[in-house]
Amino acid sequence: MGLLRELLLLPVAPLRGTGWVLGQVLTEAERQYYDPAAVQRELADLSRRLDAGEIDEEEFDRREDELLDRLQAPQAQQTQ
């Protein structure tokens, strides 16, 4: 039965493989996006840009809130 199933599904094998690859890419992208070291680097860069006058206080506060949410998101998922 397993062999017959595989033979019948053979034409869609490239789609299944593509789906697996996309899942792996998504997993890695999320890992990098929520990586605490990356978020901390972005926070430091944001602070530097504020000090250099490249952005205003309002922009800084908005971006800082976004980055802090990213930093806390994996912790919130673990508690659920």
PDB file of N, CA and C in Angstrom:
ATOM      1  N   MET A   1       0.830  -1.189   0.000  1.00  0.00           N
ATOM      2  CA  MET A   1       0.000   0.000   0.000  1.00  0.00           C
ATOM      3  C   MET A   1       0.878   1.257   0.000  1.00  0.00           C
ATOM      4  N   GLY A   2       1.949   1.275   0.759  1.00  0.00           N
ATOM      5  CA  GLY A   2       2.824   2.436   0.818  1.00  0.00           C
ATOM      6  C   GLY A   2       3.490   2.728  -0.511  1.00  0.00           C
ATOM      7  N   LEU A   3       3.891   1.666  -1.217  1.00  0.00           N
ATOM      8  CA  LEU A   3       4.530   1.832  -2.521  1.00  0.00           C
ATOM      9  C   LEU A   3       3.543   2.385  -3.539  1.00  0.00           C
ATOM     10  N   LEU A   4       2.319   1.886  -3.518  1.00  0.00           N
ATOM     11  CA  LEU A   4       1.284   2.380  -4.430  1.00  0.00           C
ATOM     12  C   LEU A   4       0.996   3.850  -4.164  1.00  0.00           C
ATOM     13  N   ARG A   5       0.918   4.197  -2.919  1.00  0.00           N
ATOM     14  CA  ARG A   5       0.670   5.600  -2.539  1.00  0.00           C
ATOM     15  C   ARG A   5       1.784   6.499  -3.057  1.00  0.00           C
ATOM     16  N   GLU A   6       3.028   6.077  -2.892  1.00  0.00           N
ATOM     17  CA  GLU A   6       4.169   6.858  -3.367  1.00  0.00           C
ATOM     18  C   GLU A   6       4.164   6.995  -4.885  1.00  0.00           C
ATOM     19  N   LEU A   7       3.798   5.932  -5.582  1.00  0.00           N
ATOM     20  CA  LEU A   7       3.727   6.000  -7.036  1.00  0.00           C
ATOM     21  C   LEU A   7       2.639   6.965  -7.496  1.00  0.00           C
ATOM     22  N   LEU A   8       1.509   6.962  -6.811  1.00  0.00           N
ATOM     23  CA  LEU A   8       0.422   7.868  -7.170  1.00  0.00           C
ATOM     24  C   LEU A   8       0.770   9.326  -6.869  1.00  0.00           C
ATOM     25  N   LEU A   9       1.542   9.545  -5.833  1.00  0.00           N
ATOM     26  CA  LEU A   9       1.915  10.903  -5.428  1.00  0.00           C
ATOM     27  C   LEU A   9       3.190  11.398  -6.103  1.00  0.00           C
ATOM     28  N   LEU A  10       3.822  10.566  -6.901  1.00  0.00           N
ATOM     29  CA  LEU A  10       5.071  10.936  -7.563  1.00  0.00           C
ATOM     30  C   LEU A  10       4.954  12.213  -8.411  1.00  0.00           C
ATOM     31  N   PRO A  11       3.870  12.421  -9.132  1.00  0.00           N
ATOM     32  CA  PRO A  11       3.782  13.666  -9.922  1.00  0.00           C
ATOM     33  C   PRO A  11       3.786  14.943  -9.082  1.00  0.00           C
ATOM     34  N   VAL A  12       3.379  14.860  -7.834  1.00  0.00           N
ATOM     35  CA  VAL A  12       3.361  16.069  -6.995  1.00  0.00           C
ATOM     36  C   VAL A  12       4.597  16.162  -6.099  1.00  0.00           C
ATOM     37  N   ALA A  13       5.562  15.275  -6.301  1.00  0.00           N
ATOM     38  CA  ALA A  13       6.777  15.294  -5.481  1.00  0.00           C
ATOM     39  C   ALA A  13       7.511  16.627  -5.532  1.00  0.00           C
ATOM     40  N   PRO A  14       7.637  17.266  -6.712  1.00  0.00           N
ATOM     41  CA  PRO A  14       8.320  18.575  -6.733  1.00  0.00           C
ATOM     42  C   PRO A  14       7.596  19.614  -5.866  1.00  0.00           C
ATOM     43  N   LEU A  15       6.282  19.556  -5.834  1.00  0.00           N
ATOM     44  CA  LEU A  15       5.536  20.502  -4.992  1.00  0.00           C
ATOM     45  C   LEU A  15       5.782  20.233  -3.509  1.00  0.00           C
ATOM     46  N   ARG A  16       5.817  18.962  -3.145  1.00  0.00           N
ATOM     47  CA  ARG A  16       6.090  18.626  -1.739  1.00  0.00           C
ATOM     48  C   ARG A  16       7.491  19.060  -1.347  1.00  0.00           C
ATOM     49  N   GLY A  17       8.445  18.859  -2.263  1.00  0.00           N
ATOM     50  CA  GLY A  17       9.820  19.284  -1.997  1.00  0.00           C
ATOM     51  C   GLY A  17       9.927  20.793  -1.870  1.00  0.00           C
ATOM     52  N   THR A  18       9.230  21.501  -2.733  1.00  0.00           N
ATOM     53  CA  THR A  18       9.226  22.968  -2.675  1.00  0.00           C
ATOM     54  C   THR A  18       8.613  23.448  -1.371  1.00  0.00           C
ATOM     55  N   GLY A  19       7.525  22.796  -0.962  1.00  0.00           N
ATOM     56  CA  GLY A  19       6.895  23.159   0.311  1.00  0.00           C
ATOM     57  C   GLY A  19       7.837  22.954   1.485  1.00  0.00           C
ATOM     58  N   TRP A  20       8.591  21.855   1.456  1.00  0.00           N
ATOM     59  CA  TRP A  20       9.541  21.589   2.536  1.00  0.00           C
ATOM     60  C   TRP A  20      10.629  22.664   2.565  1.00  0.00           C
ATOM     61  N   VAL A  21      11.162  23.010   1.395  1.00  0.00           N
ATOM     62  CA  VAL A  21      12.211  24.029   1.316  1.00  0.00           C
ATOM     63  C   VAL A  21      11.680  25.365   1.829  1.00  0.00           C
ATOM     64  N   LEU A  22      10.484  25.740   1.409  1.00  0.00           N
ATOM     65  CA  LEU A  22       9.906  27.003   1.878  1.00  0.00           C
ATOM     66  C   LEU A  22       9.711  27.000   3.393  1.00  0.00           C
ATOM     67  N   GLY A  23       9.323  25.863   3.938  1.00  0.00           N
ATOM     68  CA  GLY A  23       9.191  25.754   5.390  1.00  0.00           C
ATOM     69  C   GLY A  23      10.520  25.955   6.097  1.00  0.00           C
ATOM     70  N   GLN A  24      11.585  25.393   5.527  1.00  0.00           N
ATOM     71  CA  GLN A  24      12.917  25.547   6.119  1.00  0.00           C
ATOM     72  C   GLN A  24      13.383  26.995   6.048  1.00  0.00           C
ATOM     73  N   VAL A  25      13.127  27.648   4.913  1.00  0.00           N
ATOM     74  CA  VAL A  25      13.509  29.056   4.752  1.00  0.00           C
ATOM     75  C   VAL A  25      12.749  29.923   5.753  1.00  0.00           C
ATOM     76  N   LEU A  26      11.462  29.661   5.915  1.00  0.00           N
ATOM     77  CA  LEU A  26      10.650  30.420   6.866  1.00  0.00           C
ATOM     78  C   LEU A  26      11.144  30.232   8.301  1.00  0.00           C
ATOM     79  N   THR A  27      11.474  29.009   8.651  1.00  0.00           N
ATOM     80  CA  THR A  27      11.983  28.730   9.995  1.00  0.00           C
ATOM     81  C   THR A  27      13.273  29.489  10.267  1.00  0.00           C
ATOM     82  N   GLU A  28      14.181  29.491   9.309  1.00  0.00           N
ATOM     83  CA  GLU A  28      15.463  30.191   9.473  1.00  0.00           C
ATOM     84  C   GLU A  28      15.258  31.704   9.524  1.00  0.00           C
ATOM     85  N   ALA A  29      14.363  32.218   8.689  1.00  0.00           N
ATOM     86  CA  ALA A  29      14.085  33.657   8.695  1.00  0.00           C
ATOM     87  C   ALA A  29      13.506  34.094  10.040  1.00  0.00           C
ATOM     88  N   GLU A  30      12.604  33.301  10.593  1.00  0.00           N
ATOM     89  CA  GLU A  30      12.044  33.629  11.908  1.00  0.00           C
ATOM     90  C   GLU A  30      13.112  33.555  12.995  1.00  0.00           C
ATOM     91  N   ARG A  31      13.992  32.569  12.901  1.00  0.00           N
ATOM     92  CA  ARG A  31      15.067  32.448  13.900  1.00  0.00           C
ATOM     93  C   ARG A  31      15.951  33.685  13.885  1.00  0.00           C
ATOM     94  N   GLN A  32      16.303  34.147  12.682  1.00  0.00           N
ATOM     95  CA  GLN A  32      17.148  35.332  12.575  1.00  0.00           C
ATOM     96  C   GLN A  32      16.407  36.597  12.993  1.00  0.00           C
ATOM     97  N   TYR A  33      15.131  36.681  12.661  1.00  0.00           N
ATOM     98  CA  TYR A  33      14.330  37.868  12.977  1.00  0.00           C
ATOM     99  C   TYR A  33      14.189  38.051  14.485  1.00  0.00           C
ATOM    100  N   TYR A  34      14.005  36.947  15.213  1.00  0.00           N
ATOM    101  CA  TYR A  34      13.795  37.022  16.659  1.00  0.00           C
ATOM    102  C   TYR A  34      15.068  36.804  17.464  1.00  0.00           C
ATOM    103  N   ASP A  35      16.214  36.671  16.818  1.00  0.00           N
ATOM    104  CA  ASP A  35      17.481  36.453  17.507  1.00  0.00           C
ATOM    105  C   ASP A  35      17.774  37.641  18.427  1.00  0.00           C
ATOM    106  N   PRO A  36      17.920  37.396  19.733  1.00  0.00           N
ATOM    107  CA  PRO A  36      18.154  38.502  20.667  1.00  0.00           C
ATOM    108  C   PRO A  36      19.383  39.338  20.328  1.00  0.00           C
ATOM    109  N   ALA A  37      20.448  38.730  19.841  1.00  0.00           N
ATOM    110  CA  ALA A  37      21.657  39.486  19.505  1.00  0.00           C
ATOM    111  C   ALA A  37      21.386  40.454  18.355  1.00  0.00           C
ATOM    112  N   ALA A  38      20.621  40.004  17.360  1.00  0.00           N
ATOM    113  CA  ALA A  38      20.293  40.865  16.232  1.00  0.00           C
ATOM    114  C   ALA A  38      19.408  42.024  16.674  1.00  0.00           C
ATOM    115  N   VAL A  39      18.453  41.744  17.533  1.00  0.00           N
ATOM    116  CA  VAL A  39      17.557  42.806  18.030  1.00  0.00           C
ATOM    117  C   VAL A  39      18.358  43.814  18.845  1.00  0.00           C
ATOM    118  N   GLN A  40      19.278  43.341  19.669  1.00  0.00           N
ATOM    119  CA  GLN A  40      20.092  44.252  20.477  1.00  0.00           C
ATOM    120  C   GLN A  40      20.990  45.119  19.588  1.00  0.00           C
ATOM    121  N   ARG A  41      21.519  44.542  18.511  1.00  0.00           N
ATOM    122  CA  ARG A  41      22.315  45.341  17.568  1.00  0.00           C
ATOM    123  C   ARG A  41      21.457  46.428  16.930  1.00  0.00           C
ATOM    124  N   GLU A  42      20.230  46.071  16.562  1.00  0.00           N
ATOM    125  CA  GLU A  42      19.335  47.059  15.966  1.00  0.00           C
ATOM    126  C   GLU A  42      18.966  48.150  16.969  1.00  0.00           C
ATOM    127  N   LEU A  43      18.789  47.781  18.235  1.00  0.00           N
ATOM    128  CA  LEU A  43      18.511  48.783  19.269  1.00  0.00           C
ATOM    129  C   LEU A  43      19.691  49.736  19.426  1.00  0.00           C
ATOM    130  N   ALA A  44      20.898  49.198  19.414  1.00  0.00           N
ATOM    131  CA  ALA A  44      22.087  50.041  19.540  1.00  0.00           C
ATOM    132  C   ALA A  44      22.209  50.979  18.342  1.00  0.00           C
ATOM    133  N   ASP A  45      21.930  50.456  17.142  1.00  0.00           N
ATOM    134  CA  ASP A  45      21.987  51.282  15.942  1.00  0.00           C
ATOM    135  C   ASP A  45      20.913  52.369  15.989  1.00  0.00           C
ATOM    136  N   LEU A  46      19.760  52.027  16.483  1.00  0.00           N
ATOM    137  CA  LEU A  46      18.668  52.994  16.601  1.00  0.00           C
ATOM    138  C   LEU A  46      19.048  54.115  17.566  1.00  0.00           C
ATOM    139  N   SER A  47      19.664  53.759  18.669  1.00  0.00           N
ATOM    140  CA  SER A  47      20.118  54.752  19.639  1.00  0.00           C
ATOM    141  C   SER A  47      21.188  55.666  19.032  1.00  0.00           C
ATOM    142  N   ARG A  48      22.097  55.064  18.262  1.00  0.00           N
ATOM    143  CA  ARG A  48      23.134  55.849  17.595  1.00  0.00           C
ATOM    144  C   ARG A  48      22.511  56.834  16.605  1.00  0.00           C
ATOM    145  N   ARG A  49      21.509  56.379  15.862  1.00  0.00           N
ATOM    146  CA  ARG A  49      20.851  57.252  14.887  1.00  0.00           C
ATOM    147  C   ARG A  49      20.124  58.409  15.572  1.00  0.00           C
ATOM    148  N   LEU A  50      19.543  58.148  16.749  1.00  0.00           N
ATOM    149  CA  LEU A  50      18.884  59.217  17.504  1.00  0.00           C
ATOM    150  C   LEU A  50      19.919  60.232  17.967  1.00  0.00           C
ATOM    151  N   ASP A  51      21.029  59.742  18.515  1.00  0.00           N
ATOM    152  CA  ASP A  51      22.090  60.635  18.995  1.00  0.00           C
ATOM    153  C   ASP A  51      22.698  61.461  17.861  1.00  0.00           C
ATOM    154  N   ALA A  52      22.751  60.881  16.653  1.00  0.00           N
ATOM    155  CA  ALA A  52      23.325  61.592  15.516  1.00  0.00           C
ATOM    156  C   ALA A  52      22.319  62.547  14.871  1.00  0.00           C
ATOM    157  N   GLY A  53      21.075  62.500  15.326  1.00  0.00           N
ATOM    158  CA  GLY A  53      20.055  63.389  14.778  1.00  0.00           C
ATOM    159  C   GLY A  53      19.446  62.899  13.467  1.00  0.00           C
ATOM    160  N   GLU A  54      19.689  61.638  13.124  1.00  0.00           N
ATOM    161  CA  GLU A  54      19.145  61.088  11.884  1.00  0.00           C
ATOM    162  C   GLU A  54      17.646  60.805  11.986  1.00  0.00           C
ATOM    163  N   ILE A  55      17.177  60.539  13.203  1.00  0.00           N
ATOM    164  CA  ILE A  55      15.755  60.298  13.429  1.00  0.00           C
ATOM    165  C   ILE A  55      15.310  61.129  14.622  1.00  0.00           C
ATOM    166  N   ASP A  56      14.011  61.370  14.709  1.00  0.00           N
ATOM    167  CA  ASP A  56      13.495  62.142  15.838  1.00  0.00           C
ATOM    168  C   ASP A  56      13.039  61.205  16.963  1.00  0.00           C
ATOM    169  N   GLU A  57      12.657  61.791  18.061  1.00  0.00           N
ATOM    170  CA  GLU A  57      12.262  61.030  19.254  1.00  0.00           C
ATOM    171  C   GLU A  57      11.038  60.146  18.983  1.00  0.00           C
ATOM    172  N   GLU A  58      10.108  60.657  18.194  1.00  0.00           N
ATOM    173  CA  GLU A  58       8.888  59.892  17.895  1.00  0.00           C
ATOM    174  C   GLU A  58       9.219  58.625  17.108  1.00  0.00           C
ATOM    175  N   GLU A  59      10.067  58.764  16.097  1.00  0.00           N
ATOM    176  CA  GLU A  59      10.488  57.614  15.299  1.00  0.00           C
ATOM    177  C   GLU A  59      11.259  56.621  16.164  1.00  0.00           C
ATOM    178  N   PHE A  60      12.117  57.146  17.027  1.00  0.00           N
ATOM    179  CA  PHE A  60      12.882  56.290  17.927  1.00  0.00           C
ATOM    180  C   PHE A  60      11.957  55.472  18.820  1.00  0.00           C
ATOM    181  N   ASP A  61      10.975  56.135  19.435  1.00  0.00           N
ATOM    182  CA  ASP A  61      10.045  55.436  20.331  1.00  0.00           C
ATOM    183  C   ASP A  61       9.257  54.356  19.593  1.00  0.00           C
ATOM    184  N   ARG A  62       8.792  54.664  18.386  1.00  0.00           N
ATOM    185  CA  ARG A  62       8.019  53.699  17.615  1.00  0.00           C
ATOM    186  C   ARG A  62       8.857  52.471  17.265  1.00  0.00           C
ATOM    187  N   ARG A  63      10.067  52.702  16.751  1.00  0.00           N
ATOM    188  CA  ARG A  63      10.943  51.591  16.381  1.00  0.00           C
ATOM    189  C   ARG A  63      11.417  50.807  17.597  1.00  0.00           C
ATOM    190  N   GLU A  64      11.680  51.523  18.702  1.00  0.00           N
ATOM    191  CA  GLU A  64      12.113  50.841  19.914  1.00  0.00           C
ATOM    192  C   GLU A  64      11.023  49.900  20.413  1.00  0.00           C
ATOM    193  N   ASP A  65       9.776  50.345  20.385  1.00  0.00           N
ATOM    194  CA  ASP A  65       8.660  49.490  20.801  1.00  0.00           C
ATOM    195  C   ASP A  65       8.575  48.231  19.927  1.00  0.00           C
ATOM    196  N   GLU A  66       8.750  48.403  18.609  1.00  0.00           N
ATOM    197  CA  GLU A  66       8.721  47.257  17.691  1.00  0.00           C
ATOM    198  C   GLU A  66       9.836  46.260  18.020  1.00  0.00           C
ATOM    199  N   LEU A  67      11.026  46.791  18.266  1.00  0.00           N
ATOM    200  CA  LEU A  67      12.161  45.918  18.565  1.00  0.00           C
ATOM    201  C   LEU A  67      11.986  45.205  19.908  1.00  0.00           C
ATOM    202  N   LEU A  68      11.470  45.902  20.888  1.00  0.00           N
ATOM    203  CA  LEU A  68      11.241  45.270  22.191  1.00  0.00           C
ATOM    204  C   LEU A  68      10.158  44.198  22.096  1.00  0.00           C
ATOM    205  N   ASP A  69       9.155  44.427  21.260  1.00  0.00           N
ATOM    206  CA  ASP A  69       8.135  43.397  21.033  1.00  0.00           C
ATOM    207  C   ASP A  69       8.760  42.160  20.400  1.00  0.00           C
ATOM    208  N   ARG A  70       9.659  42.369  19.431  1.00  0.00           N
ATOM    209  CA  ARG A  70      10.359  41.242  18.806  1.00  0.00           C
ATOM    210  C   ARG A  70      11.193  40.488  19.826  1.00  0.00           C
ATOM    211  N   LEU A  71      11.790  41.210  20.747  1.00  0.00           N
ATOM    212  CA  LEU A  71      12.632  40.585  21.762  1.00  0.00           C
ATOM    213  C   LEU A  71      11.806  39.735  22.715  1.00  0.00           C
ATOM    214  N   GLN A  72      10.578  40.159  22.999  1.00  0.00           N
ATOM    215  CA  GLN A  72       9.733  39.453  23.949  1.00  0.00           C
ATOM    216  C   GLN A  72       8.864  38.373  23.298  1.00  0.00           C
ATOM    217  N   ALA A  73       8.668  38.404  21.997  1.00  0.00           N
ATOM    218  CA  ALA A  73       7.766  37.477  21.311  1.00  0.00           C
ATOM    219  C   ALA A  73       8.137  35.998  21.526  1.00  0.00           C
ATOM    220  N   PRO A  74       9.386  35.572  21.378  1.00  0.00           N
ATOM    221  CA  PRO A  74       9.691  34.152  21.597  1.00  0.00           C
ATOM    222  C   PRO A  74       9.417  33.706  23.037  1.00  0.00           C
ATOM    223  N   GLN A  75       9.627  34.578  24.002  1.00  0.00           N
ATOM    224  CA  GLN A  75       9.358  34.238  25.397  1.00  0.00           C
ATOM    225  C   GLN A  75       7.867  34.046  25.610  1.00  0.00           C
ATOM    226  N   ALA A  76       7.052  34.874  24.979  1.00  0.00           N
ATOM    227  CA  ALA A  76       5.604  34.763  25.119  1.00  0.00           C
ATOM    228  C   ALA A  76       5.099  33.467  24.467  1.00  0.00           C
ATOM    229  N   GLN A  77       5.707  33.051  23.366  1.00  0.00           N
ATOM    230  CA  GLN A  77       5.300  31.814  22.703  1.00  0.00           C
ATOM    231  C   GLN A  77       5.652  30.586  23.542  1.00  0.00           C
ATOM    232  N   GLN A  78       6.741  30.655  24.281  1.00  0.00           N
ATOM    233  CA  GLN A  78       7.152  29.524  25.107  1.00  0.00           C
ATOM    234  C   GLN A  78       6.225  29.325  26.286  1.00  0.00           C
ATOM    235  N   THR A  79       5.630  30.385  26.801  1.00  0.00           N
ATOM    236  CA  THR A  79       4.757  30.264  27.970  1.00  0.00           C
ATOM    237  C   THR A  79       3.359  29.791  27.594  1.00  0.00           C
ATOM    238  N   GLN A  80       3.027  29.804  26.310  1.00  0.00           N
ATOM    239  CA  GLN A  80       1.683  29.376  25.902  1.00  0.00           C
ATOM    240  C   GLN A  80       1.589  27.899  25.754  1.00  0.00           C
TER     241      GLN A  80
END
